[in-house]
């Protein structure tokens, strides 16, 4: 038999646990003057939350966060991962179809999710809906125990689906979604009503039917959001809280 030193054993153990994508939480000392590493290993809980525009995804996420210890939770929004298209003029960028999966930089989003799961920080881009481009600024995101990835198309990407432990689809009636979209785009993003309606008819509705609605089949949980849905919120909050408790 090979006799391995304690340091080498600890190195091998650490490399093995890193290979399994686990994290280290604390150190304790000491046995016979040698430092022994005690690790508590928990895989990051990753939740994907999708749904049509105006379905209330952000509302669901906000309600969950209100009931949680937010220090242990990160949120990645698809809204910050639209392709930049710096080679296009503003009018050309305005004419793009932002409801098609090709409009999303899924490669970067996937890299960021994997990095966070690997206990690495990321530089998340900031996207402007006024200029339809990235601002050039970034937000540093440190890994936490729970990661929520939300956006209308996050359940359409096969590789991203593999990273989710729980997949949620927020459902709302199409008329209600349109009303919410009009309110948001006219009040928060300074869009003209005719522009909003034109985009809904020409891109948003057909893209919803082709890509977003079918992605509901990937969901583990479908949340109707036509009214206050405290049961679904409580369920999601319980799942996340249980994950957070495991690391303490």
Protein backbone atom coordinates (compact mmCIF):
# COMPACT_ATOMS: atom_id res chain seq x y z
CA UNK A 1 0.00 0.00 0.00
CA UNK A 2 1.07 3.56 -0.61
CA UNK A 3 1.27 5.69 2.48
CA UNK A 4 0.02 9.19 1.73
CA UNK A 5 0.84 12.17 3.89
CA UNK A 6 -2.05 14.00 5.52
CA UNK A 7 -1.49 17.04 3.30
CA UNK A 8 -1.66 14.93 0.17
CA UNK A 9 -4.79 13.16 1.39
CA UNK A 10 -6.47 16.49 2.02
CA UNK A 11 -5.40 17.74 -1.41
CA UNK A 12 -6.86 14.67 -3.11
CA UNK A 13 -10.09 15.03 -1.10
CA UNK A 14 -10.43 18.68 -2.02
CA UNK A 15 -9.86 18.03 -5.72
CA UNK A 16 -12.40 15.23 -5.69
CA UNK A 17 -15.06 17.40 -4.05
CA UNK A 18 -14.37 20.26 -6.45
CA UNK A 19 -14.74 17.82 -9.32
CA UNK A 20 -18.21 16.95 -7.98
CA UNK A 21 -19.01 20.68 -7.91
CA UNK A 22 -19.36 20.93 -4.14
CA UNK A 23 -18.39 23.82 -1.89
CA UNK A 24 -16.39 24.16 1.30
CA UNK A 25 -17.93 25.96 4.26
CA UNK A 26 -15.73 25.86 7.36
CA UNK A 27 -12.47 24.68 8.83
CA UNK A 28 -11.96 23.13 12.25
CA UNK A 29 -8.84 22.28 14.16
CA UNK A 30 -7.05 20.20 15.37
CA UNK A 31 -6.17 16.56 15.98
CA UNK A 32 -2.71 15.59 17.20
CA UNK A 33 -1.36 18.99 16.15
CA UNK A 34 -2.42 18.36 12.59
CA UNK A 35 -5.09 20.49 10.95
CA UNK A 36 -8.05 18.45 9.80
CA UNK A 37 -10.50 19.87 7.29
CA UNK A 38 -14.15 19.26 8.06
CA UNK A 39 -16.37 20.18 5.16
CA UNK A 40 -20.06 20.60 4.82
CA UNK A 41 -20.93 20.07 1.17
CA UNK A 42 -24.13 21.25 -0.46
CA UNK A 43 -24.85 21.62 -4.15
CA UNK A 44 -26.23 24.97 -5.23
CA UNK A 45 -29.99 24.95 -5.76
CA UNK A 46 -30.75 26.41 -9.21
CA UNK A 47 -34.35 27.34 -10.09
CA UNK A 48 -35.48 28.37 -13.57
CA UNK A 49 -38.62 30.54 -13.71
CA UNK A 50 -40.21 31.26 -17.10
CA UNK A 51 -43.54 32.40 -18.52
CA UNK A 52 -44.92 34.70 -21.17
CA UNK A 53 -44.35 38.43 -21.14
CA UNK A 54 -46.58 40.03 -18.51
CA UNK A 55 -47.28 36.68 -16.85
CA UNK A 56 -45.97 37.93 -13.53
CA UNK A 57 -42.59 36.18 -13.27
CA UNK A 58 -40.98 39.17 -11.59
CA UNK A 59 -43.89 39.45 -9.16
CA UNK A 60 -43.53 35.78 -8.21
CA UNK A 61 -39.78 36.19 -7.70
CA UNK A 62 -40.29 39.34 -5.60
CA UNK A 63 -42.86 37.61 -3.40
CA UNK A 64 -40.48 34.72 -2.85
CA UNK A 65 -37.65 37.09 -1.95
CA UNK A 66 -39.87 38.92 0.54
CA UNK A 67 -40.19 35.70 2.54
CA UNK A 68 -36.55 34.63 2.31
CA UNK A 69 -33.15 35.39 3.71
CA UNK A 70 -32.07 37.19 0.52
CA UNK A 71 -28.40 37.06 1.54
CA UNK A 72 -28.34 33.44 0.40
CA UNK A 73 -30.07 33.94 -2.96
CA UNK A 74 -28.93 35.30 -6.34
CA UNK A 75 -31.19 36.26 -9.24
CA UNK A 76 -30.04 36.21 -12.86
CA UNK A 77 -32.46 37.90 -15.22
CA UNK A 78 -32.63 37.02 -18.90
CA UNK A 79 -33.19 40.74 -19.52
CA UNK A 80 -29.47 41.38 -19.03
CA UNK A 81 -28.41 38.73 -21.54
CA UNK A 82 -29.77 40.08 -24.82
CA UNK A 83 -27.14 40.21 -27.56
CA UNK A 84 -25.45 43.60 -27.76
CA UNK A 85 -25.48 44.16 -31.58
CA UNK A 86 -23.13 47.19 -31.46
CA UNK A 87 -22.74 47.10 -35.24
CA UNK A 88 -26.40 48.06 -35.75
CA UNK A 89 -27.97 51.51 -35.61
CA UNK A 90 -30.63 52.30 -33.00
CA UNK A 91 -33.43 52.02 -35.58
CA UNK A 92 -32.06 48.67 -36.73
CA UNK A 93 -31.86 47.41 -33.13
CA UNK A 94 -35.43 48.58 -32.50
CA UNK A 95 -36.62 46.46 -35.40
CA UNK A 96 -35.11 43.22 -34.07
CA UNK A 97 -37.24 40.37 -32.74
CA UNK A 98 -36.48 40.26 -29.01
CA UNK A 99 -38.90 37.41 -28.31
CA UNK A 100 -36.99 34.82 -30.35
CA UNK A 101 -34.46 32.57 -28.54
CA UNK A 102 -31.75 33.79 -30.93
CA UNK A 103 -31.98 37.24 -29.34
CA UNK A 104 -30.57 35.84 -26.08
CA UNK A 105 -26.87 35.29 -25.41
CA UNK A 106 -27.52 31.83 -23.96
CA UNK A 107 -23.85 30.92 -24.24
CA UNK A 108 -22.87 33.68 -21.81
CA UNK A 109 -25.81 32.94 -19.52
CA UNK A 110 -24.87 29.27 -19.42
CA UNK A 111 -21.23 30.12 -18.70
CA UNK A 112 -22.32 32.36 -15.83
CA UNK A 113 -24.64 29.76 -14.30
CA UNK A 114 -21.93 27.11 -14.48
CA UNK A 115 -19.35 29.50 -13.00
CA UNK A 116 -21.60 30.34 -10.04
CA UNK A 117 -22.26 26.63 -9.48
CA UNK A 118 -18.52 26.14 -9.50
CA UNK A 119 -18.20 28.73 -6.70
CA UNK A 120 -16.80 31.42 -9.02
CA UNK A 121 -17.93 35.04 -9.24
CA UNK A 122 -19.21 36.50 -12.53
CA UNK A 123 -19.46 39.91 -14.18
CA UNK A 124 -23.11 40.21 -15.23
CA UNK A 125 -23.75 42.71 -18.07
CA UNK A 126 -26.33 45.49 -17.71
CA UNK A 127 -28.76 45.93 -20.59
CA UNK A 128 -30.66 49.09 -21.53
CA UNK A 129 -34.12 48.77 -23.09
CA UNK A 130 -33.93 52.41 -24.13
CA UNK A 131 -30.94 51.92 -26.44
CA UNK A 132 -31.47 48.16 -26.98
CA UNK A 133 -27.85 47.53 -26.09
CA UNK A 134 -25.58 46.74 -23.17
CA UNK A 135 -24.48 49.77 -21.20
CA UNK A 136 -20.88 48.60 -20.86
CA UNK A 137 -21.23 48.40 -17.09
CA UNK A 138 -21.24 45.15 -15.13
CA UNK A 139 -22.43 43.87 -11.78
CA UNK A 140 -20.20 41.50 -9.86
CA UNK A 141 -22.21 38.51 -8.66
CA UNK A 142 -20.73 36.29 -5.97
CA UNK A 143 -21.90 32.66 -5.68
CA UNK A 144 -24.60 31.94 -3.11
CA UNK A 145 -26.50 28.85 -2.03
CA UNK A 146 -29.54 29.46 -4.23
CA UNK A 147 -29.68 30.80 -7.78
CA UNK A 148 -32.92 31.90 -9.48
CA UNK A 149 -32.72 32.29 -13.27
CA UNK A 150 -35.78 34.08 -14.67
CA UNK A 151 -36.97 35.14 -18.11
CA UNK A 152 -39.51 34.38 -20.80
CA UNK A 153 -37.18 32.02 -22.69
CA UNK A 154 -35.09 30.34 -19.98
CA UNK A 155 -36.93 27.01 -20.36
CA UNK A 156 -36.38 26.91 -24.13
CA UNK A 157 -32.63 26.25 -24.04
CA UNK A 158 -31.75 22.57 -23.72
CA UNK A 159 -28.31 23.14 -22.19
CA UNK A 160 -29.60 25.63 -19.64
CA UNK A 161 -32.39 23.22 -18.66
CA UNK A 162 -29.74 20.73 -17.54
CA UNK A 163 -28.52 23.20 -14.90
CA UNK A 164 -31.91 23.64 -13.19
CA UNK A 165 -32.92 21.61 -10.15
CA UNK A 166 -36.46 23.01 -10.30
CA UNK A 167 -38.25 24.43 -13.35
CA UNK A 168 -41.23 26.76 -12.88
CA UNK A 169 -43.62 28.21 -15.47
CA UNK A 170 -45.79 31.19 -14.50
CA UNK A 171 -49.06 31.18 -16.44
CA UNK A 172 -51.49 34.03 -17.07
CA UNK A 173 -54.31 34.61 -19.56
CA UNK A 174 -53.17 36.19 -22.86
CA UNK A 175 -55.42 39.24 -22.46
CA UNK A 176 -54.10 39.87 -18.97
CA UNK A 177 -50.53 39.53 -20.20
CA UNK A 178 -51.16 42.07 -22.97
CA UNK A 179 -52.61 44.58 -20.50
CA UNK A 180 -49.61 44.19 -18.22
CA UNK A 181 -47.22 44.52 -21.17
CA UNK A 182 -48.88 47.76 -22.29
CA UNK A 183 -48.66 49.22 -18.80
CA UNK A 184 -45.01 48.28 -18.40
CA UNK A 185 -43.78 49.41 -21.80
CA UNK A 186 -45.67 52.72 -21.85
CA UNK A 187 -45.07 53.67 -18.21
CA UNK A 188 -41.61 52.22 -17.50
CA UNK A 189 -39.92 52.11 -20.92
CA UNK A 190 -41.45 55.14 -22.62
CA UNK A 191 -42.88 53.19 -25.55
CA UNK A 192 -45.75 54.41 -27.73
CA UNK A 193 -49.01 52.44 -27.47
CA UNK A 194 -49.13 51.75 -31.21
CA UNK A 195 -45.55 50.48 -31.09
CA UNK A 196 -46.40 48.12 -28.24
CA UNK A 197 -49.48 46.75 -30.01
CA UNK A 198 -47.62 46.37 -33.31
CA UNK A 199 -44.80 44.44 -31.65
CA UNK A 200 -47.31 42.25 -29.82
CA UNK A 201 -49.10 41.30 -33.02
CA UNK A 202 -46.06 40.79 -35.24
CA UNK A 203 -43.50 39.20 -32.90
CA UNK A 204 -44.54 38.74 -29.30
CA UNK A 205 -47.71 36.68 -29.82
CA UNK A 206 -46.34 34.37 -32.55
CA UNK A 207 -43.09 33.86 -30.62
CA UNK A 208 -45.06 33.02 -27.49
CA UNK A 209 -47.02 30.39 -29.37
CA UNK A 210 -43.94 28.94 -31.07
CA UNK A 211 -41.41 28.93 -28.23
CA UNK A 212 -42.65 30.08 -24.82
CA UNK A 213 -45.94 28.22 -24.47
CA UNK A 214 -44.36 24.87 -25.51
CA UNK A 215 -41.62 25.37 -22.90
CA UNK A 216 -44.34 24.91 -20.28
CA UNK A 217 -43.90 21.18 -20.93
CA UNK A 218 -40.42 21.39 -19.39
CA UNK A 219 -41.74 22.79 -16.10
CA UNK A 220 -41.91 20.83 -12.85
CA UNK A 221 -44.38 23.34 -11.45
CA UNK A 222 -46.91 25.56 -13.24
CA UNK A 223 -48.04 28.62 -11.27
CA UNK A 224 -51.34 30.22 -12.33
CA UNK A 225 -50.90 33.94 -11.75
CA UNK A 226 -54.33 35.42 -12.42
CA UNK A 227 -54.82 36.02 -8.71
CA UNK A 228 -52.88 35.93 -5.46
CA UNK A 229 -51.34 32.45 -5.41
CA UNK A 230 -50.06 32.09 -1.89
CA UNK A 231 -49.92 28.28 -2.04
CA UNK A 232 -47.42 28.24 -4.92
CA UNK A 233 -45.35 31.03 -3.35
CA UNK A 234 -45.29 29.20 -0.01
CA UNK A 235 -44.24 25.99 -1.74
CA UNK A 236 -41.36 27.63 -3.59
CA UNK A 237 -40.31 29.50 -0.46
CA UNK A 238 -40.27 26.25 1.54
CA UNK A 239 -38.12 24.50 -1.06
CA UNK A 240 -35.60 27.35 -1.06
CA UNK A 241 -35.60 27.72 2.74
CA UNK A 242 -34.91 24.03 3.16
CA UNK A 243 -31.93 24.36 0.84
CA UNK A 244 -30.65 27.39 2.78
CA UNK A 245 -30.99 25.61 6.14
CA UNK A 246 -28.81 22.75 4.93
CA UNK A 247 -25.75 25.00 4.79
CA UNK A 248 -25.99 26.29 8.34
